[in-house]
């Protein structure tokens, strides 16, 4: 099988028009690589949008490719920008958002890997990890006027 090489800069430019709807969030994804266990996707959160508080199977390594955004985990919200790399424990409730005036594009690498539109990829929770049936956006995670899915 030939080696598949993906250019992140070109993918970041195409995600606006070719991205797939993400399950559970107002974001788009572009699948990059997977072997069924480990996978990588590029995700875009539009200016002012956010993922709800959630958990997922396995951990994610996230690299900010473009724009400014936030990661809220453990009661603290961190601002991230291009070149910032962080790991999110999948079992710890967390939320990712974009700045009001800037899109947030991330490379997400995770294991296990689920398709971007799979309901198994994301479970809504509150900050204590209790399962929810609807998306929960915490006041600290979203700024006034932020749109929600």
N, C-alpha and C. Protein backbone atom coordinates (compact mmCIF):
# COMPACT_ATOMS: atom_id res chain seq x y z
N UNK A 1 0.85 -1.18 0.00
CA UNK A 1 0.00 0.00 0.00
C UNK A 1 0.89 1.24 0.00
N UNK A 2 0.60 2.20 -0.87
CA UNK A 2 1.43 3.42 -0.92
C UNK A 2 1.20 4.29 0.31
N UNK A 3 2.22 5.03 0.66
CA UNK A 3 2.16 5.94 1.81
C UNK A 3 1.26 7.12 1.46
N UNK A 4 0.36 7.48 2.37
CA UNK A 4 -0.53 8.62 2.18
C UNK A 4 0.07 9.81 2.92
N UNK A 5 0.33 10.89 2.21
CA UNK A 5 0.89 12.11 2.80
C UNK A 5 -0.15 13.21 2.67
N UNK A 6 -0.45 13.87 3.80
CA UNK A 6 -1.45 14.93 3.84
C UNK A 6 -0.76 16.23 4.22
N UNK A 7 -1.03 17.29 3.46
CA UNK A 7 -0.48 18.60 3.77
C UNK A 7 -1.48 19.35 4.65
N UNK A 8 -1.08 19.69 5.89
CA UNK A 8 -1.98 20.34 6.83
C UNK A 8 -2.38 21.75 6.40
N UNK A 9 -1.47 22.49 5.79
CA UNK A 9 -1.80 23.85 5.36
C UNK A 9 -2.87 23.83 4.27
N UNK A 10 -2.74 22.93 3.29
CA UNK A 10 -3.73 22.82 2.21
C UNK A 10 -5.06 22.32 2.76
N UNK A 11 -5.01 21.38 3.69
CA UNK A 11 -6.25 20.85 4.28
C UNK A 11 -6.97 21.94 5.06
N UNK A 12 -6.22 22.77 5.78
CA UNK A 12 -6.83 23.87 6.55
C UNK A 12 -7.55 24.85 5.63
N UNK A 13 -7.05 25.04 4.43
CA UNK A 13 -7.70 25.94 3.47
C UNK A 13 -8.98 25.32 2.90
N UNK A 14 -8.99 23.98 2.75
CA UNK A 14 -10.13 23.29 2.15
C UNK A 14 -11.24 22.96 3.15
N UNK A 15 -10.97 22.98 4.43
CA UNK A 15 -11.94 22.51 5.41
C UNK A 15 -13.24 23.32 5.40
N UNK A 16 -13.17 24.58 5.01
CA UNK A 16 -14.37 25.42 4.93
C UNK A 16 -15.37 24.88 3.92
N UNK A 17 -14.89 24.42 2.79
CA UNK A 17 -15.78 23.97 1.72
C UNK A 17 -15.95 22.46 1.67
N UNK A 18 -15.00 21.71 2.22
CA UNK A 18 -15.05 20.25 2.11
C UNK A 18 -15.24 19.54 3.44
N UNK A 19 -15.35 20.29 4.53
CA UNK A 19 -15.47 19.66 5.84
C UNK A 19 -16.81 18.98 6.04
N UNK A 20 -16.80 17.92 6.83
CA UNK A 20 -18.01 17.18 7.18
C UNK A 20 -18.55 17.69 8.50
N UNK A 21 -19.84 17.63 8.68
CA UNK A 21 -20.44 18.05 9.94
C UNK A 21 -19.99 17.13 11.06
N UNK A 22 -19.60 17.70 12.16
CA UNK A 22 -19.17 16.93 13.33
C UNK A 22 -20.38 16.50 14.13
N UNK A 23 -20.35 15.31 14.68
CA UNK A 23 -21.42 14.87 15.55
C UNK A 23 -21.35 15.64 16.86
N UNK A 24 -22.46 16.22 17.29
CA UNK A 24 -22.55 16.82 18.61
C UNK A 24 -22.02 18.23 18.78
N UNK A 25 -21.55 18.85 17.71
CA UNK A 25 -20.99 20.19 17.84
C UNK A 25 -21.16 20.96 16.54
N UNK A 26 -21.13 22.28 16.64
CA UNK A 26 -21.21 23.13 15.46
C UNK A 26 -19.79 23.33 14.94
N UNK A 27 -19.28 22.28 14.31
CA UNK A 27 -17.91 22.30 13.81
C UNK A 27 -17.85 21.41 12.57
N UNK A 28 -16.79 21.54 11.80
CA UNK A 28 -16.58 20.66 10.66
C UNK A 28 -15.26 19.92 10.83
N UNK A 29 -15.22 18.72 10.26
CA UNK A 29 -14.04 17.86 10.33
C UNK A 29 -13.64 17.43 8.94
N UNK A 30 -12.38 17.15 8.76
CA UNK A 30 -11.88 16.48 7.57
C UNK A 30 -11.05 15.29 8.04
N UNK A 31 -11.50 14.07 7.72
CA UNK A 31 -10.71 12.89 8.09
C UNK A 31 -9.37 12.91 7.34
N UNK A 32 -8.29 12.57 8.04
CA UNK A 32 -6.97 12.58 7.42
C UNK A 32 -6.39 11.18 7.28
N UNK A 33 -6.28 10.48 8.39
CA UNK A 33 -5.70 9.14 8.40
C UNK A 33 -6.38 8.31 9.47
N UNK A 34 -6.49 7.00 9.22
CA UNK A 34 -6.89 6.07 10.28
C UNK A 34 -6.47 4.66 9.88
N UNK A 35 -6.13 3.89 10.91
CA UNK A 35 -5.90 2.47 10.70
C UNK A 35 -6.96 1.66 11.45
N UNK A 36 -7.99 2.36 11.92
CA UNK A 36 -9.06 1.73 12.66
C UNK A 36 -8.88 1.84 14.16
N UNK A 37 -7.65 2.00 14.60
CA UNK A 37 -7.36 2.13 16.04
C UNK A 37 -6.87 3.55 16.34
N UNK A 38 -5.92 4.03 15.56
CA UNK A 38 -5.35 5.37 15.71
C UNK A 38 -5.79 6.19 14.51
N UNK A 39 -6.14 7.45 14.75
CA UNK A 39 -6.57 8.26 13.62
C UNK A 39 -6.29 9.73 13.83
N UNK A 40 -6.33 10.46 12.72
CA UNK A 40 -6.12 11.91 12.75
C UNK A 40 -7.17 12.59 11.89
N UNK A 41 -7.70 13.69 12.41
CA UNK A 41 -8.69 14.51 11.70
C UNK A 41 -8.31 15.97 11.89
N UNK A 42 -8.72 16.80 10.94
CA UNK A 42 -8.60 18.23 11.13
C UNK A 42 -10.01 18.73 11.46
N UNK A 43 -10.10 19.61 12.45
CA UNK A 43 -11.40 20.16 12.80
C UNK A 43 -11.36 21.67 12.79
N UNK A 44 -12.52 22.25 12.44
CA UNK A 44 -12.66 23.70 12.39
C UNK A 44 -13.85 24.11 13.23
N UNK A 45 -13.60 25.04 14.14
CA UNK A 45 -14.66 25.65 14.93
C UNK A 45 -14.76 27.09 14.44
N UNK A 46 -15.95 27.48 13.97
CA UNK A 46 -16.15 28.82 13.43
C UNK A 46 -16.03 29.87 14.53
N UNK A 47 -15.72 31.12 14.16
CA UNK A 47 -15.62 32.19 15.16
C UNK A 47 -16.86 32.23 16.06
N UNK A 48 -16.61 32.24 17.37
CA UNK A 48 -17.69 32.33 18.35
C UNK A 48 -18.39 31.03 18.66
N UNK A 49 -18.06 29.94 17.99
CA UNK A 49 -18.70 28.65 18.24
C UNK A 49 -17.87 27.82 19.21
N UNK A 50 -18.47 26.75 19.72
CA UNK A 50 -17.78 25.90 20.69
C UNK A 50 -18.34 24.49 20.68
N UNK A 51 -17.54 23.56 21.13
CA UNK A 51 -18.02 22.23 21.45
C UNK A 51 -18.65 22.29 22.83
N UNK A 52 -19.68 21.50 23.05
CA UNK A 52 -20.24 21.44 24.40
C UNK A 52 -19.28 20.69 25.32
N UNK A 53 -19.54 20.73 26.62
CA UNK A 53 -18.77 19.93 27.57
C UNK A 53 -19.01 18.46 27.19
N UNK A 54 -17.93 17.69 27.10
CA UNK A 54 -18.07 16.31 26.66
C UNK A 54 -16.88 15.45 27.12
N UNK A 55 -17.05 14.15 26.96
CA UNK A 55 -15.97 13.18 27.12
C UNK A 55 -15.99 12.29 25.88
N UNK A 56 -14.98 11.44 25.75
CA UNK A 56 -14.93 10.49 24.64
C UNK A 56 -13.99 9.36 24.99
N UNK A 57 -14.15 8.23 24.30
CA UNK A 57 -13.21 7.12 24.54
C UNK A 57 -11.80 7.54 24.13
N UNK A 58 -10.83 7.21 24.92
CA UNK A 58 -9.44 7.49 24.58
C UNK A 58 -9.08 8.96 24.71
N UNK A 59 -7.80 9.24 24.62
CA UNK A 59 -7.27 10.59 24.73
C UNK A 59 -7.08 11.19 23.35
N UNK A 60 -7.05 12.52 23.29
CA UNK A 60 -6.77 13.23 22.05
C UNK A 60 -5.56 14.13 22.23
N UNK A 61 -4.69 14.08 21.26
CA UNK A 61 -3.58 15.02 21.16
C UNK A 61 -4.03 16.07 20.16
N UNK A 62 -4.03 17.35 20.57
CA UNK A 62 -4.54 18.43 19.72
C UNK A 62 -3.45 19.45 19.43
N UNK A 63 -3.32 19.80 18.16
CA UNK A 63 -2.36 20.81 17.71
C UNK A 63 -3.14 21.93 17.04
N UNK A 64 -2.99 23.15 17.54
CA UNK A 64 -3.64 24.30 16.93
C UNK A 64 -2.87 24.64 15.65
N UNK A 65 -3.56 24.56 14.51
CA UNK A 65 -2.96 24.82 13.21
C UNK A 65 -3.16 26.28 12.81
N UNK A 66 -4.34 26.82 13.16
CA UNK A 66 -4.66 28.19 12.74
C UNK A 66 -5.67 28.78 13.70
N UNK A 67 -5.59 30.09 13.92
CA UNK A 67 -6.59 30.79 14.70
C UNK A 67 -6.35 30.73 16.20
N UNK A 68 -7.28 31.35 16.91
CA UNK A 68 -7.21 31.40 18.37
C UNK A 68 -8.43 30.71 18.94
N UNK A 69 -8.22 29.96 20.01
CA UNK A 69 -9.34 29.27 20.63
C UNK A 69 -9.08 29.01 22.09
N UNK A 70 -9.95 28.18 22.67
CA UNK A 70 -9.82 27.83 24.08
C UNK A 70 -10.00 26.34 24.26
N UNK A 71 -9.42 25.84 25.35
CA UNK A 71 -9.68 24.50 25.84
C UNK A 71 -9.99 24.67 27.32
N UNK A 72 -11.16 24.18 27.71
CA UNK A 72 -11.56 24.23 29.11
C UNK A 72 -11.51 22.81 29.65
N UNK A 73 -10.76 22.62 30.72
CA UNK A 73 -10.62 21.31 31.33
C UNK A 73 -10.24 21.51 32.80
N UNK A 74 -10.79 20.69 33.66
CA UNK A 74 -10.43 20.78 35.07
C UNK A 74 -10.75 22.11 35.72
N UNK A 75 -11.78 22.80 35.25
CA UNK A 75 -12.17 24.06 35.86
C UNK A 75 -11.38 25.27 35.38
N UNK A 76 -10.48 25.06 34.44
CA UNK A 76 -9.67 26.16 33.93
C UNK A 76 -9.81 26.27 32.42
N UNK A 77 -9.92 27.49 31.91
CA UNK A 77 -9.97 27.72 30.48
C UNK A 77 -8.63 28.30 30.03
N UNK A 78 -8.03 27.67 29.03
CA UNK A 78 -6.73 28.07 28.50
C UNK A 78 -6.92 28.63 27.09
N UNK A 79 -6.19 29.67 26.76
CA UNK A 79 -6.19 30.20 25.40
C UNK A 79 -5.07 29.53 24.63
N UNK A 80 -5.37 29.09 23.40
CA UNK A 80 -4.37 28.44 22.57
C UNK A 80 -4.33 29.10 21.20
N UNK A 81 -3.17 29.02 20.57
CA UNK A 81 -2.97 29.60 19.25
C UNK A 81 -2.09 28.71 18.40
N UNK A 82 -1.80 29.12 17.18
CA UNK A 82 -1.02 28.31 16.25
C UNK A 82 0.28 27.80 16.88
N UNK A 83 0.50 26.51 16.72
CA UNK A 83 1.71 25.87 17.25
C UNK A 83 1.54 25.28 18.63
N UNK A 84 0.45 25.61 19.34
CA UNK A 84 0.23 25.04 20.67
C UNK A 84 -0.26 23.60 20.55
N UNK A 85 0.33 22.74 21.35
CA UNK A 85 0.03 21.30 21.36
C UNK A 85 -0.36 20.91 22.76
N UNK A 86 -1.44 20.14 22.90
CA UNK A 86 -1.87 19.70 24.22
C UNK A 86 -2.60 18.37 24.12
N UNK A 87 -2.61 17.63 25.23
CA UNK A 87 -3.30 16.35 25.29
C UNK A 87 -4.49 16.47 26.22
N UNK A 88 -5.63 15.99 25.76
CA UNK A 88 -6.85 16.01 26.55
C UNK A 88 -7.20 14.58 26.94
N UNK A 89 -7.25 14.29 28.26
CA UNK A 89 -7.70 12.96 28.68
C UNK A 89 -9.18 12.79 28.32
N UNK A 90 -9.50 11.76 27.56
CA UNK A 90 -10.86 11.58 27.07
C UNK A 90 -11.91 11.43 28.14
N UNK A 91 -11.54 10.89 29.30
CA UNK A 91 -12.52 10.65 30.36
C UNK A 91 -12.76 11.87 31.24
N UNK A 92 -11.99 12.94 31.03
CA UNK A 92 -12.15 14.17 31.81
C UNK A 92 -13.03 15.13 31.00
N UNK A 93 -14.13 15.64 31.57
CA UNK A 93 -14.99 16.57 30.84
C UNK A 93 -14.19 17.79 30.37
N UNK A 94 -14.41 18.16 29.11
CA UNK A 94 -13.69 19.29 28.53
C UNK A 94 -14.52 19.91 27.41
N UNK A 95 -14.11 21.10 26.97
CA UNK A 95 -14.79 21.82 25.89
C UNK A 95 -13.78 22.65 25.11
N UNK A 96 -13.95 22.69 23.81
CA UNK A 96 -13.09 23.46 22.91
C UNK A 96 -13.92 24.56 22.27
N UNK A 97 -13.36 25.75 22.15
CA UNK A 97 -14.09 26.85 21.52
C UNK A 97 -13.20 27.71 20.65
N UNK A 98 -13.82 28.56 19.86
CA UNK A 98 -13.10 29.51 19.01
C UNK A 98 -13.31 30.92 19.56
N UNK A 99 -12.33 31.77 19.35
CA UNK A 99 -12.47 33.17 19.74
C UNK A 99 -13.61 33.80 18.94
N UNK A 100 -14.20 34.86 19.48
CA UNK A 100 -15.33 35.51 18.82
C UNK A 100 -15.01 35.98 17.41
N UNK A 101 -13.77 36.38 17.16
CA UNK A 101 -13.42 36.97 15.87
C UNK A 101 -12.40 36.14 15.08
N UNK A 102 -12.26 34.86 15.42
CA UNK A 102 -11.24 34.04 14.76
C UNK A 102 -11.67 32.59 14.71
N UNK A 103 -11.51 31.95 13.55
CA UNK A 103 -11.78 30.52 13.49
C UNK A 103 -10.67 29.77 14.22
N UNK A 104 -10.95 28.56 14.62
CA UNK A 104 -10.00 27.74 15.37
C UNK A 104 -9.87 26.42 14.62
N UNK A 105 -8.68 26.15 14.06
CA UNK A 105 -8.45 24.93 13.30
C UNK A 105 -7.44 24.09 14.04
N UNK A 106 -7.81 22.83 14.30
CA UNK A 106 -7.00 21.91 15.09
C UNK A 106 -6.73 20.61 14.35
N UNK A 107 -5.57 20.04 14.58
CA UNK A 107 -5.29 18.67 14.19
C UNK A 107 -5.56 17.83 15.42
N UNK A 108 -6.47 16.85 15.29
CA UNK A 108 -6.83 15.98 16.41
C UNK A 108 -6.37 14.57 16.11
N UNK A 109 -5.54 14.02 17.00
CA UNK A 109 -5.05 12.66 16.86
C UNK A 109 -5.56 11.88 18.06
N UNK A 110 -6.22 10.77 17.80
CA UNK A 110 -6.80 10.03 18.90
C UNK A 110 -6.82 8.53 18.70
N UNK A 111 -6.88 7.82 19.82
CA UNK A 111 -7.03 6.37 19.82
C UNK A 111 -7.89 6.00 21.02
N UNK A 112 -8.95 5.25 20.86
CA UNK A 112 -9.41 4.72 19.57
C UNK A 112 -9.95 5.83 18.69
N UNK A 113 -10.05 5.53 17.40
CA UNK A 113 -10.50 6.53 16.44
C UNK A 113 -11.88 6.15 15.92
N UNK A 114 -12.81 7.12 15.97
CA UNK A 114 -14.15 6.93 15.44
C UNK A 114 -14.37 7.93 14.31
N UNK A 115 -15.21 7.58 13.33
CA UNK A 115 -15.51 8.54 12.26
C UNK A 115 -16.08 9.84 12.84
N UNK A 116 -15.89 10.94 12.13
CA UNK A 116 -16.27 12.26 12.64
C UNK A 116 -17.76 12.40 12.89
N UNK A 117 -18.58 11.62 12.20
CA UNK A 117 -20.02 11.72 12.38
C UNK A 117 -20.59 10.62 13.28
N UNK A 118 -19.71 9.90 13.97
CA UNK A 118 -20.14 8.79 14.82
C UNK A 118 -20.62 9.29 16.19
N UNK A 119 -21.79 8.81 16.65
CA UNK A 119 -22.24 9.17 17.99
C UNK A 119 -21.32 8.62 19.09
N UNK A 120 -20.48 7.64 18.75
CA UNK A 120 -19.54 7.10 19.73
C UNK A 120 -18.34 8.01 19.95
N UNK A 121 -18.19 9.01 19.10
CA UNK A 121 -17.03 9.90 19.18
C UNK A 121 -17.11 10.89 20.33
N UNK A 122 -18.33 11.24 20.79
CA UNK A 122 -18.48 12.30 21.78
C UNK A 122 -19.72 12.03 22.62
N UNK A 123 -19.58 12.17 23.94
CA UNK A 123 -20.70 12.02 24.85
C UNK A 123 -20.87 13.33 25.64
N UNK A 124 -22.09 13.89 25.61
CA UNK A 124 -22.37 15.11 26.38
C UNK A 124 -22.30 14.78 27.87
N UNK A 125 -21.66 15.68 28.63
CA UNK A 125 -21.60 15.54 30.09
C UNK A 125 -21.68 16.92 30.73
N UNK A 126 -21.84 16.92 32.06
CA UNK A 126 -21.63 18.15 32.81
C UNK A 126 -20.17 18.12 33.28
N UNK A 127 -19.77 19.12 34.06
CA UNK A 127 -18.37 19.19 34.50
C UNK A 127 -17.98 18.07 35.46
N UNK A 128 -18.96 17.40 36.06
CA UNK A 128 -18.66 16.29 36.97
C UNK A 128 -18.59 14.96 36.21
N UNK A 129 -18.87 14.98 34.92
CA UNK A 129 -18.82 13.77 34.10
C UNK A 129 -20.13 13.01 34.04
N UNK A 130 -21.20 13.59 34.57
CA UNK A 130 -22.50 12.94 34.50
C UNK A 130 -23.04 13.02 33.08
N UNK A 131 -23.50 11.89 32.53
CA UNK A 131 -24.03 11.90 31.16
C UNK A 131 -25.25 12.81 31.02
N UNK A 132 -25.33 13.49 29.89
CA UNK A 132 -26.47 14.36 29.57
C UNK A 132 -27.02 13.95 28.21
N UNK A 133 -28.27 14.24 27.98
CA UNK A 133 -28.87 13.92 26.68
C UNK A 133 -28.83 15.11 25.72
N UNK A 134 -28.53 16.30 26.26
CA UNK A 134 -28.42 17.50 25.43
C UNK A 134 -27.10 18.21 25.71
N UNK A 135 -26.67 18.98 24.73
CA UNK A 135 -25.42 19.72 24.87
C UNK A 135 -25.49 20.72 26.02
N UNK A 136 -24.40 20.82 26.77
CA UNK A 136 -24.29 21.74 27.90
C UNK A 136 -23.13 22.69 27.65
N UNK A 137 -23.43 23.98 27.66
CA UNK A 137 -22.40 25.00 27.51
C UNK A 137 -22.31 25.76 28.81
N UNK A 138 -21.15 25.72 29.44
CA UNK A 138 -20.95 26.38 30.73
C UNK A 138 -20.61 27.84 30.50
N UNK A 139 -21.06 28.72 31.40
CA UNK A 139 -20.84 30.17 31.28
C UNK A 139 -19.37 30.51 31.07
N UNK A 140 -18.46 29.79 31.73
CA UNK A 140 -17.03 30.09 31.58
C UNK A 140 -16.50 29.69 30.21
N UNK A 141 -17.23 28.83 29.51
CA UNK A 141 -16.75 28.31 28.23
C UNK A 141 -17.21 29.14 27.05
N UNK A 142 -18.29 29.85 27.23
CA UNK A 142 -18.85 30.58 26.11
C UNK A 142 -18.99 32.05 26.45
N UNK A 143 -18.65 32.88 25.53
CA UNK A 143 -18.79 34.31 25.77
C UNK A 143 -20.16 34.76 25.29
N UNK A 144 -20.57 35.91 25.70
CA UNK A 144 -21.88 36.44 25.35
C UNK A 144 -22.02 36.51 23.82
N UNK A 145 -23.15 36.03 23.34
CA UNK A 145 -23.41 36.09 21.91
C UNK A 145 -22.91 34.88 21.14
N UNK A 146 -22.25 33.94 21.78
CA UNK A 146 -21.75 32.77 21.08
C UNK A 146 -22.90 31.93 20.57
N UNK A 147 -22.75 31.44 19.35
CA UNK A 147 -23.78 30.58 18.76
C UNK A 147 -23.58 29.15 19.27
N UNK A 148 -24.65 28.39 19.28
CA UNK A 148 -24.60 26.98 19.70
C UNK A 148 -25.27 26.12 18.66
N UNK A 149 -24.85 24.85 18.59
CA UNK A 149 -25.49 23.95 17.63
C UNK A 149 -26.94 23.70 17.99
